């Protein structure tokens, strides 16, 4: 039996990452983009992040009761399973003219994106506007590194050896 699972498709992952990048006024670190994509896929798991008090209400508003994509098991294992897919998607995007990669940060080159793609990205983001805004804008206020960073707060990435 042949099954297609969009979460593990590098092209679908590239599309999701473009969704996040087009809404961000900031360059996004690769590790942050990986986390944001994971929570775009599995937004019900947002409830497991330990966040600063000011973001808890927003998080609870956007976290879905169940995920659109099949999820069973440990979030850490699912995140590690996505690592090669994320690597491939970031590689695809950074070799295109659509995204600029400087050091470990990615920004979208919106003027270069085809108008058809841009309209599809916007339409899809409009459907999940609150979730996208939370991921791109609210979580941007939380540092990535250190004991108060997203790596530790999510429990998905190693943080103890971060240079802070």
C-alpha atoms as a PDB file:
ATOM      1  CA  UNK A   1       0.000   0.000   0.000  1.00  0.00           C
ATOM      2  CA  UNK A   2       1.333   3.384  -0.991  1.00  0.00           C
ATOM      3  CA  UNK A   3       0.503   6.229   1.394  1.00  0.00           C
ATOM      4  CA  UNK A   4       1.320   9.907   1.103  1.00  0.00           C
ATOM      5  CA  UNK A   5       2.044  11.766   4.305  1.00  0.00           C
ATOM      6  CA  UNK A   6       2.451  15.537   3.689  1.00  0.00           C
ATOM      7  CA  UNK A   7       4.373  16.076   6.917  1.00  0.00           C
ATOM      8  CA  UNK A   8       7.246  13.995   5.517  1.00  0.00           C
ATOM      9  CA  UNK A   9       7.260  15.517   2.025  1.00  0.00           C
ATOM     10  CA  UNK A  10      10.110  18.028   1.506  1.00  0.00           C
ATOM     11  CA  UNK A  11       8.062  19.952  -1.069  1.00  0.00           C
ATOM     12  CA  UNK A  12       5.068  20.248   1.252  1.00  0.00           C
ATOM     13  CA  UNK A  13       7.461  21.224   4.034  1.00  0.00           C
ATOM     14  CA  UNK A  14       8.963  23.905   1.768  1.00  0.00           C
ATOM     15  CA  UNK A  15       5.463  25.237   1.158  1.00  0.00           C
ATOM     16  CA  UNK A  16       4.725  25.358   4.902  1.00  0.00           C
ATOM     17  CA  UNK A  17       8.044  27.090   5.550  1.00  0.00           C
ATOM     18  CA  UNK A  18       7.277  29.619   2.827  1.00  0.00           C
ATOM     19  CA  UNK A  19       3.950  30.247   4.546  1.00  0.00           C
ATOM     20  CA  UNK A  20       5.816  31.146   7.722  1.00  0.00           C
ATOM     21  CA  UNK A  21       8.547  33.151   6.002  1.00  0.00           C
ATOM     22  CA  UNK A  22       6.134  35.268   3.955  1.00  0.00           C
ATOM     23  CA  UNK A  23       4.359  36.412   7.126  1.00  0.00           C
ATOM     24  CA  UNK A  24       7.514  37.268   9.047  1.00  0.00           C
ATOM     25  CA  UNK A  25       8.992  40.769   8.924  1.00  0.00           C
ATOM     26  CA  UNK A  26      12.153  39.232  10.434  1.00  0.00           C
ATOM     27  CA  UNK A  27      14.755  36.774   9.254  1.00  0.00           C
ATOM     28  CA  UNK A  28      14.003  33.439  10.925  1.00  0.00           C
ATOM     29  CA  UNK A  29      16.725  31.183  12.328  1.00  0.00           C
ATOM     30  CA  UNK A  30      16.748  27.690  10.844  1.00  0.00           C
ATOM     31  CA  UNK A  31      16.122  26.022  14.207  1.00  0.00           C
ATOM     32  CA  UNK A  32      13.246  28.391  14.938  1.00  0.00           C
ATOM     33  CA  UNK A  33      11.780  27.688  11.495  1.00  0.00           C
ATOM     34  CA  UNK A  34      11.943  23.951  12.227  1.00  0.00           C
ATOM     35  CA  UNK A  35      10.052  24.457  15.498  1.00  0.00           C
ATOM     36  CA  UNK A  36       7.487  26.756  13.900  1.00  0.00           C
ATOM     37  CA  UNK A  37       6.864  24.254  11.122  1.00  0.00           C
ATOM     38  CA  UNK A  38       6.448  21.457  13.670  1.00  0.00           C
ATOM     39  CA  UNK A  39       3.819  23.474  15.534  1.00  0.00           C
ATOM     40  CA  UNK A  40       2.128  24.469  12.291  1.00  0.00           C
ATOM     41  CA  UNK A  41       1.753  20.754  11.608  1.00  0.00           C
ATOM     42  CA  UNK A  42       0.823  19.727  15.129  1.00  0.00           C
ATOM     43  CA  UNK A  43      -0.745  22.804  16.705  1.00  0.00           C
ATOM     44  CA  UNK A  44      -2.412  20.784  19.464  1.00  0.00           C
ATOM     45  CA  UNK A  45       1.088  20.251  20.871  1.00  0.00           C
ATOM     46  CA  UNK A  46       1.438  23.998  21.466  1.00  0.00           C
ATOM     47  CA  UNK A  47      -0.251  23.367  24.810  1.00  0.00           C
ATOM     48  CA  UNK A  48       2.838  21.450  25.940  1.00  0.00           C
ATOM     49  CA  UNK A  49       5.203  24.425  25.537  1.00  0.00           C
ATOM     50  CA  UNK A  50       6.103  26.265  28.710  1.00  0.00           C
ATOM     51  CA  UNK A  51       5.660  29.902  27.676  1.00  0.00           C
ATOM     52  CA  UNK A  52       6.008  33.274  29.394  1.00  0.00           C
ATOM     53  CA  UNK A  53       2.766  34.270  31.117  1.00  0.00           C
ATOM     54  CA  UNK A  54       1.983  36.932  28.507  1.00  0.00           C
ATOM     55  CA  UNK A  55       1.743  34.332  25.716  1.00  0.00           C
ATOM     56  CA  UNK A  56      -0.317  31.650  27.459  1.00  0.00           C
ATOM     57  CA  UNK A  57      -3.716  33.117  26.564  1.00  0.00           C
ATOM     58  CA  UNK A  58      -2.739  33.538  22.894  1.00  0.00           C
ATOM     59  CA  UNK A  59      -1.370  30.013  22.802  1.00  0.00           C
ATOM     60  CA  UNK A  60      -4.527  28.540  24.261  1.00  0.00           C
ATOM     61  CA  UNK A  61      -6.613  30.424  21.703  1.00  0.00           C
ATOM     62  CA  UNK A  62      -4.736  29.054  18.683  1.00  0.00           C
ATOM     63  CA  UNK A  63      -3.901  25.517  19.819  1.00  0.00           C
ATOM     64  CA  UNK A  64      -6.215  23.125  17.993  1.00  0.00           C
ATOM     65  CA  UNK A  65      -7.897  20.299  19.901  1.00  0.00           C
ATOM     66  CA  UNK A  66      -6.574  17.788  17.372  1.00  0.00           C
ATOM     67  CA  UNK A  67      -4.082  17.793  14.520  1.00  0.00           C
ATOM     68  CA  UNK A  68      -4.874  17.777  10.851  1.00  0.00           C
ATOM     69  CA  UNK A  69      -1.967  15.398  10.307  1.00  0.00           C
ATOM     70  CA  UNK A  70      -1.821  12.015  11.971  1.00  0.00           C
ATOM     71  CA  UNK A  71       0.212  12.098  15.135  1.00  0.00           C
ATOM     72  CA  UNK A  72       0.876   9.329  17.584  1.00  0.00           C
ATOM     73  CA  UNK A  73       3.710   8.992  19.994  1.00  0.00           C
ATOM     74  CA  UNK A  74       6.299  11.245  21.481  1.00  0.00           C
ATOM     75  CA  UNK A  75       6.722  14.800  20.153  1.00  0.00           C
ATOM     76  CA  UNK A  76      10.527  14.472  20.455  1.00  0.00           C
ATOM     77  CA  UNK A  77      10.538  11.419  18.198  1.00  0.00           C
ATOM     78  CA  UNK A  78       8.242  13.095  15.671  1.00  0.00           C
ATOM     79  CA  UNK A  79      10.465  16.187  15.659  1.00  0.00           C
ATOM     80  CA  UNK A  80      13.607  14.083  15.114  1.00  0.00           C
ATOM     81  CA  UNK A  81      11.832  12.202  12.312  1.00  0.00           C
ATOM     82  CA  UNK A  82      11.204  15.546  10.610  1.00  0.00           C
ATOM     83  CA  UNK A  83      14.874  16.620  10.813  1.00  0.00           C
ATOM     84  CA  UNK A  84      15.983  15.214   7.418  1.00  0.00           C
ATOM     85  CA  UNK A  85      12.774  16.537   5.843  1.00  0.00           C
ATOM     86  CA  UNK A  86      13.441  19.979   7.310  1.00  0.00           C
ATOM     87  CA  UNK A  87      17.039  19.809   6.065  1.00  0.00           C
ATOM     88  CA  UNK A  88      15.863  18.949   2.555  1.00  0.00           C
ATOM     89  CA  UNK A  89      13.209  21.696   2.565  1.00  0.00           C
ATOM     90  CA  UNK A  90      15.641  24.339   3.796  1.00  0.00           C
ATOM     91  CA  UNK A  91      18.123  23.180   1.159  1.00  0.00           C
ATOM     92  CA  UNK A  92      15.466  23.440  -1.549  1.00  0.00           C
ATOM     93  CA  UNK A  93      14.441  26.912  -0.454  1.00  0.00           C
ATOM     94  CA  UNK A  94      17.955  28.247  -0.022  1.00  0.00           C
ATOM     95  CA  UNK A  95      19.022  27.125  -3.493  1.00  0.00           C
ATOM     96  CA  UNK A  96      16.074  28.926  -5.046  1.00  0.00           C
ATOM     97  CA  UNK A  97      15.938  32.658  -5.524  1.00  0.00           C
ATOM     98  CA  UNK A  98      12.783  32.743  -3.395  1.00  0.00           C
ATOM     99  CA  UNK A  99      14.636  32.628  -0.081  1.00  0.00           C
ATOM    100  CA  UNK A 100      17.883  34.202   1.063  1.00  0.00           C
ATOM    101  CA  UNK A 101      19.997  32.310   3.557  1.00  0.00           C
ATOM    102  CA  UNK A 102      22.551  34.274   5.563  1.00  0.00           C
ATOM    103  CA  UNK A 103      24.376  32.278   8.197  1.00  0.00           C
ATOM    104  CA  UNK A 104      21.543  30.348   9.817  1.00  0.00           C
ATOM    105  CA  UNK A 105      18.766  32.855   9.041  1.00  0.00           C
ATOM    106  CA  UNK A 106      16.233  32.731   6.225  1.00  0.00           C
ATOM    107  CA  UNK A 107      14.224  35.543   4.657  1.00  0.00           C
ATOM    108  CA  UNK A 108      11.776  35.391   1.791  1.00  0.00           C
ATOM    109  CA  UNK A 109      12.327  37.397  -1.393  1.00  0.00           C
ATOM    110  CA  UNK A 110       8.659  38.263  -1.910  1.00  0.00           C
ATOM    111  CA  UNK A 111       9.204  40.240  -5.153  1.00  0.00           C
ATOM    112  CA  UNK A 112      10.715  37.129  -6.761  1.00  0.00           C
ATOM    113  CA  UNK A 113       7.880  34.777  -5.748  1.00  0.00           C
ATOM    114  CA  UNK A 114       5.468  34.002  -8.590  1.00  0.00           C
ATOM    115  CA  UNK A 115       2.175  35.830  -8.096  1.00  0.00           C
ATOM    116  CA  UNK A 116       0.219  32.551  -8.267  1.00  0.00           C
ATOM    117  CA  UNK A 117       2.285  31.037  -5.468  1.00  0.00           C
ATOM    118  CA  UNK A 118       2.053  34.197  -3.383  1.00  0.00           C
ATOM    119  CA  UNK A 119      -1.732  34.235  -3.676  1.00  0.00           C
ATOM    120  CA  UNK A 120      -1.947  30.561  -2.653  1.00  0.00           C
ATOM    121  CA  UNK A 121       0.336  31.235   0.347  1.00  0.00           C
ATOM    122  CA  UNK A 122      -1.782  34.207   1.407  1.00  0.00           C
ATOM    123  CA  UNK A 123      -5.055  32.315   0.967  1.00  0.00           C
ATOM    124  CA  UNK A 124      -3.781  29.395   3.018  1.00  0.00           C
ATOM    125  CA  UNK A 125      -2.431  31.720   5.712  1.00  0.00           C
ATOM    126  CA  UNK A 126      -5.752  33.563   5.887  1.00  0.00           C
ATOM    127  CA  UNK A 127      -7.450  30.284   6.822  1.00  0.00           C
ATOM    128  CA  UNK A 128      -5.137  29.874   9.829  1.00  0.00           C
ATOM    129  CA  UNK A 129      -4.379  33.545  10.460  1.00  0.00           C
ATOM    130  CA  UNK A 130      -4.395  33.373  14.267  1.00  0.00           C
ATOM    131  CA  UNK A 131      -2.091  30.363  14.329  1.00  0.00           C
ATOM    132  CA  UNK A 132       0.332  31.861  11.798  1.00  0.00           C
ATOM    133  CA  UNK A 133       0.401  35.193  13.669  1.00  0.00           C
ATOM    134  CA  UNK A 134       1.083  33.420  16.956  1.00  0.00           C
ATOM    135  CA  UNK A 135       3.882  31.322  15.486  1.00  0.00           C
ATOM    136  CA  UNK A 136       5.557  34.119  13.544  1.00  0.00           C
ATOM    137  CA  UNK A 137       4.959  37.179  15.711  1.00  0.00           C
ATOM    138  CA  UNK A 138       4.327  36.037  19.289  1.00  0.00           C
ATOM    139  CA  UNK A 139       6.919  33.265  19.435  1.00  0.00           C
ATOM    140  CA  UNK A 140       9.442  35.654  17.879  1.00  0.00           C
ATOM    141  CA  UNK A 141       9.505  37.461  21.232  1.00  0.00           C
ATOM    142  CA  UNK A 142      10.830  34.336  22.968  1.00  0.00           C
ATOM    143  CA  UNK A 143      14.585  33.837  22.577  1.00  0.00           C
ATOM    144  CA  UNK A 144      15.706  30.636  20.913  1.00  0.00           C
ATOM    145  CA  UNK A 145      18.719  29.816  23.080  1.00  0.00           C
ATOM    146  CA  UNK A 146      19.408  29.254  26.748  1.00  0.00           C
ATOM    147  CA  UNK A 147      17.325  28.147  29.718  1.00  0.00           C
ATOM    148  CA  UNK A 148      14.478  30.542  28.821  1.00  0.00           C
ATOM    149  CA  UNK A 149      14.642  29.819  25.088  1.00  0.00           C
ATOM    150  CA  UNK A 150      12.246  27.981  22.808  1.00  0.00           C
ATOM    151  CA  UNK A 151      14.556  24.998  22.558  1.00  0.00           C
ATOM    152  CA  UNK A 152      14.175  24.291  26.272  1.00  0.00           C
ATOM    153  CA  UNK A 153      10.570  25.460  26.522  1.00  0.00           C
ATOM    154  CA  UNK A 154       9.469  23.116  23.734  1.00  0.00           C
ATOM    155  CA  UNK A 155      11.505  20.165  24.970  1.00  0.00           C
ATOM    156  CA  UNK A 156      12.193  19.272  21.338  1.00  0.00           C
ATOM    157  CA  UNK A 157      15.801  20.436  20.970  1.00  0.00           C
ATOM    158  CA  UNK A 158      18.958  20.258  23.052  1.00  0.00           C
ATOM    159  CA  UNK A 159      19.678  23.605  24.720  1.00  0.00           C
ATOM    160  CA  UNK A 160      22.270  22.902  27.425  1.00  0.00           C
ATOM    161  CA  UNK A 161      25.233  23.571  25.147  1.00  0.00           C
ATOM    162  CA  UNK A 162      23.904  26.772  23.580  1.00  0.00           C
ATOM    163  CA  UNK A 163      26.336  29.669  23.565  1.00  0.00           C
ATOM    164  CA  UNK A 164      24.239  32.379  25.190  1.00  0.00           C
END
